[in-house]
C-alpha atoms as a PDB file:
ATOM      1  CA  MET A   1       0.000   0.000   0.000  1.00  0.00           C
ATOM      2  CA  VAL A   2       1.356   3.418  -0.937  1.00  0.00           C
ATOM      3  CA  TRP A   3       0.041   6.914  -0.375  1.00  0.00           C
ATOM      4  CA  ALA A   4      -0.748   8.896  -3.482  1.00  0.00           C
ATOM      5  CA  HIS A   5      -1.743  12.455  -4.213  1.00  0.00           C
ATOM      6  CA  THR A   6      -4.247  13.306  -6.934  1.00  0.00           C
ATOM      7  CA  SER A   7      -2.727  15.784  -9.335  1.00  0.00           C
ATOM      8  CA  ALA A   8      -4.056  19.332  -9.229  1.00  0.00           C
ATOM      9  CA  LYS A   9      -5.367  19.149 -12.790  1.00  0.00           C
ATOM     10  CA  HIS A  10      -8.112  16.826 -11.563  1.00  0.00           C
ATOM     11  CA  GLY A  11      -9.511  19.249  -9.010  1.00  0.00           C
ATOM     12  CA  LYS A  12      -8.661  20.004  -5.428  1.00  0.00           C
ATOM     13  CA  GLY A  13      -6.394  17.007  -4.944  1.00  0.00           C
ATOM     14  CA  ALA A  14      -6.587  14.233  -2.429  1.00  0.00           C
ATOM     15  CA  CYS A  15      -4.181  12.044  -0.574  1.00  0.00           C
ATOM     16  CA  GLY A  16      -4.663   8.613   0.830  1.00  0.00           C
ATOM     17  CA  PRO A  17      -3.743   4.968   0.747  1.00  0.00           C
ATOM     18  CA  VAL A  18      -3.786   3.380  -2.684  1.00  0.00           C
ATOM     19  CA  SER A  19      -2.837  -0.200  -3.489  1.00  0.00           C
ATOM     20  CA  ALA A  20       0.215  -0.604  -5.689  1.00  0.00           C
ATOM     21  CA  ALA A  21      -1.974  -2.113  -8.448  1.00  0.00           C
ATOM     22  CA  ALA A  22      -4.486   0.736  -8.249  1.00  0.00           C
ATOM     23  CA  SER A  23      -1.773   3.377  -8.343  1.00  0.00           C
ATOM     24  CA  GLN A  24      -0.601   1.935 -11.676  1.00  0.00           C
ATOM     25  CA  SER A  25      -4.169   1.756 -13.003  1.00  0.00           C
ATOM     26  CA  TYR A  26      -4.864   5.434 -12.395  1.00  0.00           C
ATOM     27  CA  PRO A  27      -2.264   7.676 -14.013  1.00  0.00           C
ATOM     28  CA  GLU A  28      -3.722  10.752 -12.287  1.00  0.00           C
ATOM     29  CA  GLN A  29      -2.397   9.389  -8.998  1.00  0.00           C
ATOM     30  CA  VAL A  30       1.129  10.568  -8.383  1.00  0.00           C
ATOM     31  CA  SER A  31       3.341   9.559  -5.522  1.00  0.00           C
ATOM     32  CA  PRO A  32       4.520  12.577  -3.585  1.00  0.00           C
ATOM     33  CA  ARG A  33       8.215  13.166  -3.171  1.00  0.00           C
ATOM     34  CA  PRO A  34       9.169  11.399   0.059  1.00  0.00           C
ATOM     35  CA  GLN A  35      10.163  14.062   2.559  1.00  0.00           C
ATOM     36  CA  PHE A  36      10.225  13.862   6.335  1.00  0.00           C
ATOM     37  CA  ASP A  37       8.297  16.823   7.736  1.00  0.00           C
ATOM     38  CA  PRO A  38       8.929  17.495  11.448  1.00  0.00           C
ATOM     39  CA  LEU A  39       5.897  19.795  11.632  1.00  0.00           C
ATOM     40  CA  VAL A  40       3.548  17.069  10.374  1.00  0.00           C
ATOM     41  CA  HIS A  41       5.389  14.316  12.284  1.00  0.00           C
ATOM     42  CA  GLU A  42       4.304  15.605  15.720  1.00  0.00           C
ATOM     43  CA  PRO A  43       1.596  13.079  16.765  1.00  0.00           C
ATOM     44  CA  THR A  44      -1.287  15.498  17.302  1.00  0.00           C
ATOM     45  CA  ARG A  45      -0.602  17.382  14.078  1.00  0.00           C
ATOM     46  CA  LEU A  46      -0.266  14.093  12.192  1.00  0.00           C
ATOM     47  CA  LYS A  47      -3.713  13.099  13.498  1.00  0.00           C
ATOM     48  CA  ILE A  48      -5.175  16.488  12.535  1.00  0.00           C
ATOM     49  CA  CYS A  49      -3.876  16.238   8.963  1.00  0.00           C
ATOM     50  CA  THR A  50      -5.004  12.629   8.640  1.00  0.00           C
ATOM     51  CA  ILE A  51      -8.502  13.371   9.937  1.00  0.00           C
ATOM     52  CA  LEU A  52      -8.883  16.334   7.566  1.00  0.00           C
ATOM     53  CA  THR A  53      -7.573  14.490   4.486  1.00  0.00           C
ATOM     54  CA  PRO A  54     -10.795  12.848   3.255  1.00  0.00           C
ATOM     55  CA  MET A  55     -13.051  15.892   3.716  1.00  0.00           C
ATOM     56  CA  PRO A  56     -13.168  19.429   2.387  1.00  0.00           C
ATOM     57  CA  GLU A  57     -13.396  20.933   5.907  1.00  0.00           C
ATOM     58  CA  MET A  58     -14.451  20.154   9.457  1.00  0.00           C
ATOM     59  CA  ASP A  59     -16.017  22.108  12.284  1.00  0.00           C
ATOM     60  CA  TYR A  60     -13.465  23.142  14.946  1.00  0.00           C
ATOM     61  CA  GLY A  61     -15.645  21.777  17.761  1.00  0.00           C
ATOM     62  CA  ARG A  62     -16.042  18.425  16.034  1.00  0.00           C
ATOM     63  CA  LEU A  63     -12.290  18.178  15.439  1.00  0.00           C
ATOM     64  CA  GLN A  64     -11.681  19.017  19.095  1.00  0.00           C
ATOM     65  CA  GLU A  65     -14.141  16.299  20.124  1.00  0.00           C
ATOM     66  CA  VAL A  66     -12.651  13.658  17.813  1.00  0.00           C
ATOM     67  CA  LEU A  67      -9.136  14.379  19.070  1.00  0.00           C
ATOM     68  CA  ALA A  68     -10.213  14.731  22.726  1.00  0.00           C
ATOM     69  CA  LEU A  69      -8.163  17.913  23.099  1.00  0.00           C
ATOM     70  CA  THR A  70      -8.718  21.119  25.013  1.00  0.00           C
ATOM     71  CA  ALA A  71      -9.436  24.213  22.932  1.00  0.00           C
ATOM     72  CA  PRO A  72      -6.068  25.841  23.787  1.00  0.00           C
ATOM     73  CA  THR A  73      -4.142  22.694  22.819  1.00  0.00           C
ATOM     74  CA  LEU A  74      -5.978  22.321  19.506  1.00  0.00           C
ATOM     75  CA  SER A  75      -5.526  26.050  18.805  1.00  0.00           C
ATOM     76  CA  LYS A  76      -1.767  25.769  19.371  1.00  0.00           C
ATOM     77  CA  HIS A  77      -1.430  22.912  16.885  1.00  0.00           C
ATOM     78  CA  LEU A  78      -3.718  24.530  14.308  1.00  0.00           C
ATOM     79  CA  ARG A  79      -1.778  27.796  14.592  1.00  0.00           C
ATOM     80  CA  ALA A  80       1.490  25.948  13.824  1.00  0.00           C
ATOM     81  CA  LEU A  81      -0.105  24.207  10.825  1.00  0.00           C
ATOM     82  CA  ALA A  82      -1.717  27.453   9.609  1.00  0.00           C
ATOM     83  CA  GLU A  83       1.594  29.335   9.797  1.00  0.00           C
ATOM     84  CA  ALA A  84       3.046  26.734   7.408  1.00  0.00           C
ATOM     85  CA  ASP A  85      -0.037  27.066   5.167  1.00  0.00           C
ATOM     86  CA  TYR A  86      -0.966  23.425   5.878  1.00  0.00           C
ATOM     87  CA  VAL A  87      -4.451  24.261   7.184  1.00  0.00           C
ATOM     88  CA  ARG A  88      -6.915  27.075   6.573  1.00  0.00           C
ATOM     89  CA  LEU A  89      -9.182  28.375   9.334  1.00  0.00           C
ATOM     90  CA  THR A  90     -12.421  30.045   8.287  1.00  0.00           C
ATOM     91  CA  LYS A  91     -14.679  31.852  10.736  1.00  0.00           C
ATOM     92  CA  GLN A  92     -18.371  32.237   9.966  1.00  0.00           C
ATOM     93  CA  THR A  93     -21.115  33.875  12.000  1.00  0.00           C
ATOM     94  CA  LYS A  94     -24.295  31.845  12.217  1.00  0.00           C
ATOM     95  CA  ASP A  95     -27.204  32.595  14.543  1.00  0.00           C
ATOM     96  CA  GLY A  96     -25.060  35.114  16.404  1.00  0.00           C
ATOM     97  CA  HIS A  97     -22.281  32.588  17.093  1.00  0.00           C
ATOM     98  CA  VAL A  98     -18.879  32.391  15.468  1.00  0.00           C
ATOM     99  CA  HIS A  99     -18.131  28.977  13.983  1.00  0.00           C
ATOM    100  CA  THR A 100     -14.629  28.027  12.909  1.00  0.00           C
ATOM    101  CA  ARG A 101     -14.093  25.569  10.075  1.00  0.00           C
ATOM    102  CA  VAL A 102     -10.748  23.864   9.494  1.00  0.00           C
ATOM    103  CA  ALA A 103      -9.523  22.618   6.108  1.00  0.00           C
ATOM    104  CA  LEU A 104      -6.336  20.966   4.958  1.00  0.00           C
ATOM    105  CA  THR A 105      -4.760  23.053   2.186  1.00  0.00           C
ATOM    106  CA  PRO A 106      -3.178  21.592  -0.956  1.00  0.00           C
ATOM    107  CA  ALA A 107       0.233  22.317   0.615  1.00  0.00           C
ATOM    108  CA  GLY A 108      -0.874  20.443   3.741  1.00  0.00           C
ATOM    109  CA  ARG A 109      -2.040  17.454   1.700  1.00  0.00           C
ATOM    110  CA  GLU A 110       1.245  17.370  -0.165  1.00  0.00           C
ATOM    111  CA  ALA A 111       3.248  17.649   3.072  1.00  0.00           C
ATOM    112  CA  LEU A 112       1.244  14.819   4.670  1.00  0.00           C
ATOM    113  CA  CYS A 113       1.551  12.577   1.616  1.00  0.00           C
ATOM    114  CA  GLY A 114       5.274  13.260   1.312  1.00  0.00           C
ATOM    115  CA  HIS A 115       5.770  12.581   5.012  1.00  0.00           C
ATOM    116  CA  VAL A 116       3.855   9.291   4.894  1.00  0.00           C
ATOM    117  CA  SER A 117       5.797   8.300   1.758  1.00  0.00           C
ATOM    118  CA  GLU A 118       9.075   8.956   3.574  1.00  0.00           C
ATOM    119  CA  ILE A 119       7.980   6.864   6.576  1.00  0.00           C
ATOM    120  CA  GLN A 120       7.029   4.066   4.166  1.00  0.00           C
ATOM    121  CA  ARG A 121      10.413   4.383   2.448  1.00  0.00           C
ATOM    122  CA  MET A 122      12.155   4.167   5.812  1.00  0.00           C
ATOM    123  CA  ALA A 123      10.130   1.075   6.721  1.00  0.00           C
ATOM    124  CA  ARG A 124      11.204  -0.597   3.461  1.00  0.00           C
ATOM    125  CA  VAL A 125      14.846   0.132   4.326  1.00  0.00           C
ATOM    126  CA  VAL A 126      14.382  -1.423   7.752  1.00  0.00           C
ATOM    127  CA  ARG A 127      12.618  -4.488   6.319  1.00  0.00           C
ATOM    128  CA  GLY A 128      15.376  -4.882   3.740  1.00  0.00           C
ATOM    129  CA  SER A 129      18.127  -4.704   6.344  1.00  0.00           C
ATOM    130  CA  GLU A 130      16.311  -7.280   8.488  1.00  0.00           C
ATOM    131  CA  ARG A 131      16.297  -9.662   5.545  1.00  0.00           C
ATOM    132  CA  ARG A 132      19.966  -9.058   4.729  1.00  0.00           C
ATOM    133  CA  PHE A 133      21.204  -9.346   8.342  1.00  0.00           C
ATOM    134  CA  PRO A 134      18.828 -11.749  10.183  1.00  0.00           C
ATOM    135  CA  HIS A 135      21.610 -12.824  12.546  1.00  0.00           C
ATOM    136  CA  ILE A 136      22.037  -9.332  14.033  1.00  0.00           C
ATOM    137  CA  THR A 137      19.907  -8.810  17.118  1.00  0.00           C
ATOM    138  CA  THR A 138      19.877  -6.168  19.781  1.00  0.00           C
END
């Protein structure tokens, strides 16, 4: 299983797991350049990006609930992602209340896909070294 990113020419773009066979069947799926991203790697931010990947946007309160985080903690992580242009925060007033929506940007999708690709690449290296040196144990 590999992660692929839909090219921009086919719309907004998406990122997610794709079987190796499927990735060859759909030329519009491109593998992102593997690149470790320390901003995305932080566990809470990795969860945020992963949760936001399959949807156009999510309500801040719902994201907070899903992650079981306090509002200040979620705000801190979203601020870091927003400063890197990985997420977009949109505030809307409805019935006299301000509602914040959170969306993963194309740059955020690409960063997540590249990060996951790099982790997968690293795992292949580890698996390969285990096969080449089965007698070495720690």
